[in-house]
Amino acid sequence: MARLQDSRFSLLGIRFGWDAVIGLVPGVGDVAATAMAAWVVAEAARLGAPKRLLARMGLNVAIDFLLGAVPLVGDLADIAFKANLRNVDLLERHLSRTG
């Protein structure tokens, strides 16, 4: 899901995903992308991630939402700030340490 959201496509060497594409739809696009990002955090919770890690992941989602809410600039920010891939990386590092 994170790869689909953040790096599914490539154009001129720039990787982007459905988050950036959906974000182009005014209003509902950023809300829909945030809902999908929240699913990644919910899966981390289901896997038993500690509250501190979930809070950090939630902060990444919030930053992505707030950046994406800014017209035009937010669409470019969606390409640069890959919250879903960041969150999966945080979760993978946690799981590799704890088993």
C-alpha atoms as a PDB file:
ATOM      1  CA  MET A   1       0.000   0.000   0.000  1.00  0.00           C
ATOM      2  CA  ALA A   2       2.803   2.437   0.894  1.00  0.00           C
ATOM      3  CA  ARG A   3       4.540   1.899  -2.436  1.00  0.00           C
ATOM      4  CA  LEU A   4       1.264   2.430  -4.314  1.00  0.00           C
ATOM      5  CA  GLN A   5       0.650   5.627  -2.384  1.00  0.00           C
ATOM      6  CA  ASP A   6       4.136   7.125  -2.647  1.00  0.00           C
ATOM      7  CA  SER A   7       6.200   5.646  -5.466  1.00  0.00           C
ATOM      8  CA  ARG A   8       4.062   3.664  -7.920  1.00  0.00           C
ATOM      9  CA  PHE A   9       4.806   5.834 -10.958  1.00  0.00           C
ATOM     10  CA  SER A  10       7.839   7.534 -12.450  1.00  0.00           C
ATOM     11  CA  LEU A  11       7.892  10.537 -14.747  1.00  0.00           C
ATOM     12  CA  LEU A  12      11.163  12.141 -15.816  1.00  0.00           C
ATOM     13  CA  GLY A  13      12.931  10.225 -13.059  1.00  0.00           C
ATOM     14  CA  ILE A  14      10.585  11.533 -10.362  1.00  0.00           C
ATOM     15  CA  ARG A  15       8.787   8.859  -8.353  1.00  0.00           C
ATOM     16  CA  PHE A  16       5.250   9.535  -7.147  1.00  0.00           C
ATOM     17  CA  GLY A  17       2.188   7.542  -6.233  1.00  0.00           C
ATOM     18  CA  TRP A  18      -1.559   7.647  -5.935  1.00  0.00           C
ATOM     19  CA  ASP A  19      -1.266  10.077  -3.012  1.00  0.00           C
ATOM     20  CA  ALA A  20      -0.036  12.802  -5.373  1.00  0.00           C
ATOM     21  CA  VAL A  21      -2.528  11.871  -8.112  1.00  0.00           C
ATOM     22  CA  ILE A  22      -5.552  11.701  -5.804  1.00  0.00           C
ATOM     23  CA  GLY A  23      -4.399  14.925  -4.117  1.00  0.00           C
ATOM     24  CA  LEU A  24      -5.052  16.788  -7.362  1.00  0.00           C
ATOM     25  CA  VAL A  25      -8.797  16.440  -6.739  1.00  0.00           C
ATOM     26  CA  PRO A  26      -9.715  19.500  -4.653  1.00  0.00           C
ATOM     27  CA  GLY A  27     -11.015  18.774  -1.171  1.00  0.00           C
ATOM     28  CA  VAL A  28     -11.756  15.075  -1.253  1.00  0.00           C
ATOM     29  CA  GLY A  29      -8.406  14.038  -2.734  1.00  0.00           C
ATOM     30  CA  ASP A  30      -6.318  14.862   0.313  1.00  0.00           C
ATOM     31  CA  VAL A  31      -8.915  13.384   2.660  1.00  0.00           C
ATOM     32  CA  ALA A  32      -8.971  10.117   0.686  1.00  0.00           C
ATOM     33  CA  ALA A  33      -5.160   9.943   0.590  1.00  0.00           C
ATOM     34  CA  THR A  34      -5.033  10.580   4.347  1.00  0.00           C
ATOM     35  CA  ALA A  35      -7.553   7.803   4.978  1.00  0.00           C
ATOM     36  CA  MET A  36      -5.333   5.366   3.093  1.00  0.00           C
ATOM     37  CA  ALA A  37      -2.287   6.567   5.035  1.00  0.00           C
ATOM     38  CA  ALA A  38      -4.216   6.057   8.279  1.00  0.00           C
ATOM     39  CA  TRP A  39      -4.763   2.431   7.250  1.00  0.00           C
ATOM     40  CA  VAL A  40      -0.971   1.910   7.293  1.00  0.00           C
ATOM     41  CA  VAL A  41      -0.859   3.290  10.850  1.00  0.00           C
ATOM     42  CA  ALA A  42      -3.815   1.096  11.853  1.00  0.00           C
ATOM     43  CA  GLU A  43      -1.979  -1.972  10.532  1.00  0.00           C
ATOM     44  CA  ALA A  44       1.050  -0.992  12.608  1.00  0.00           C
ATOM     45  CA  ALA A  45      -1.198  -0.826  15.671  1.00  0.00           C
ATOM     46  CA  ARG A  46      -2.633  -4.227  14.809  1.00  0.00           C
ATOM     47  CA  LEU A  47       0.918  -5.585  14.686  1.00  0.00           C
ATOM     48  CA  GLY A  48       1.510  -4.274  18.201  1.00  0.00           C
ATOM     49  CA  ALA A  49       3.610  -1.185  17.479  1.00  0.00           C
ATOM     50  CA  PRO A  50       4.218   0.891  20.607  1.00  0.00           C
ATOM     51  CA  LYS A  51       2.266   4.105  21.139  1.00  0.00           C
ATOM     52  CA  ARG A  52       5.366   6.241  20.634  1.00  0.00           C
ATOM     53  CA  LEU A  53       5.933   4.741  17.178  1.00  0.00           C
ATOM     54  CA  LEU A  54       2.250   5.127  16.294  1.00  0.00           C
ATOM     55  CA  ALA A  55       2.409   8.785  17.357  1.00  0.00           C
ATOM     56  CA  ARG A  56       5.430   9.368  15.125  1.00  0.00           C
ATOM     57  CA  MET A  57       3.675   7.667  12.227  1.00  0.00           C
ATOM     58  CA  GLY A  58       0.554   9.756  12.895  1.00  0.00           C
ATOM     59  CA  LEU A  59       2.677  12.903  12.824  1.00  0.00           C
ATOM     60  CA  ASN A  60       3.986  11.913   9.371  1.00  0.00           C
ATOM     61  CA  VAL A  61       0.395  11.462   8.170  1.00  0.00           C
ATOM     62  CA  ALA A  62      -0.625  14.818   9.658  1.00  0.00           C
ATOM     63  CA  ILE A  63       2.308  16.606   8.008  1.00  0.00           C
ATOM     64  CA  ASP A  64       1.456  14.983   4.681  1.00  0.00           C
ATOM     65  CA  PHE A  65      -2.181  16.074   5.035  1.00  0.00           C
ATOM     66  CA  LEU A  66      -1.322  19.650   5.993  1.00  0.00           C
ATOM     67  CA  LEU A  67       1.228  20.021   3.200  1.00  0.00           C
ATOM     68  CA  GLY A  68      -1.178  18.470   0.699  1.00  0.00           C
ATOM     69  CA  ALA A  69      -3.960  20.856   1.689  1.00  0.00           C
ATOM     70  CA  VAL A  70      -2.075  23.848   0.270  1.00  0.00           C
ATOM     71  CA  PRO A  71      -3.249  24.340  -3.335  1.00  0.00           C
ATOM     72  CA  LEU A  72      -0.638  23.526  -6.010  1.00  0.00           C
ATOM     73  CA  VAL A  73       2.313  23.708  -3.608  1.00  0.00           C
ATOM     74  CA  GLY A  74       0.729  20.841  -1.689  1.00  0.00           C
ATOM     75  CA  ASP A  75       0.626  18.692  -4.803  1.00  0.00           C
ATOM     76  CA  LEU A  76       4.377  19.121  -5.190  1.00  0.00           C
ATOM     77  CA  ALA A  77       4.863  18.450  -1.478  1.00  0.00           C
ATOM     78  CA  ASP A  78       2.976  15.142  -1.885  1.00  0.00           C
ATOM     79  CA  ILE A  79       5.668  14.084  -4.316  1.00  0.00           C
ATOM     80  CA  ALA A  80       8.529  15.128  -2.022  1.00  0.00           C
ATOM     81  CA  PHE A  81       7.218  14.058   1.414  1.00  0.00           C
ATOM     82  CA  LYS A  82       6.516  10.341   1.239  1.00  0.00           C
ATOM     83  CA  ALA A  83       4.768   9.760   4.564  1.00  0.00           C
ATOM     84  CA  ASN A  84       3.664   6.207   3.789  1.00  0.00           C
ATOM     85  CA  LEU A  85       7.142   4.999   2.861  1.00  0.00           C
ATOM     86  CA  ARG A  86       8.537   6.771   5.928  1.00  0.00           C
ATOM     87  CA  ASN A  87       5.978   5.015   8.114  1.00  0.00           C
ATOM     88  CA  VAL A  88       6.674   1.583   6.661  1.00  0.00           C
ATOM     89  CA  ASP A  89      10.398   2.179   7.183  1.00  0.00           C
ATOM     90  CA  LEU A  90       9.768   3.130  10.831  1.00  0.00           C
ATOM     91  CA  LEU A  91       7.669   0.003  11.337  1.00  0.00           C
ATOM     92  CA  GLU A  92      10.172  -2.283   9.613  1.00  0.00           C
ATOM     93  CA  ARG A  93      13.021  -0.928  11.753  1.00  0.00           C
ATOM     94  CA  HIS A  94      10.940  -1.469  14.894  1.00  0.00           C
ATOM     95  CA  LEU A  95      10.023  -5.017  13.898  1.00  0.00           C
ATOM     96  CA  SER A  96      13.613  -5.907  12.998  1.00  0.00           C
ATOM     97  CA  ARG A  97      14.732  -4.797  16.478  1.00  0.00           C
ATOM     98  CA  THR A  98      11.947  -6.523  18.395  1.00  0.00           C
ATOM     99  CA  GLY A  99      11.343  -9.569  16.224  1.00  0.00           C
END
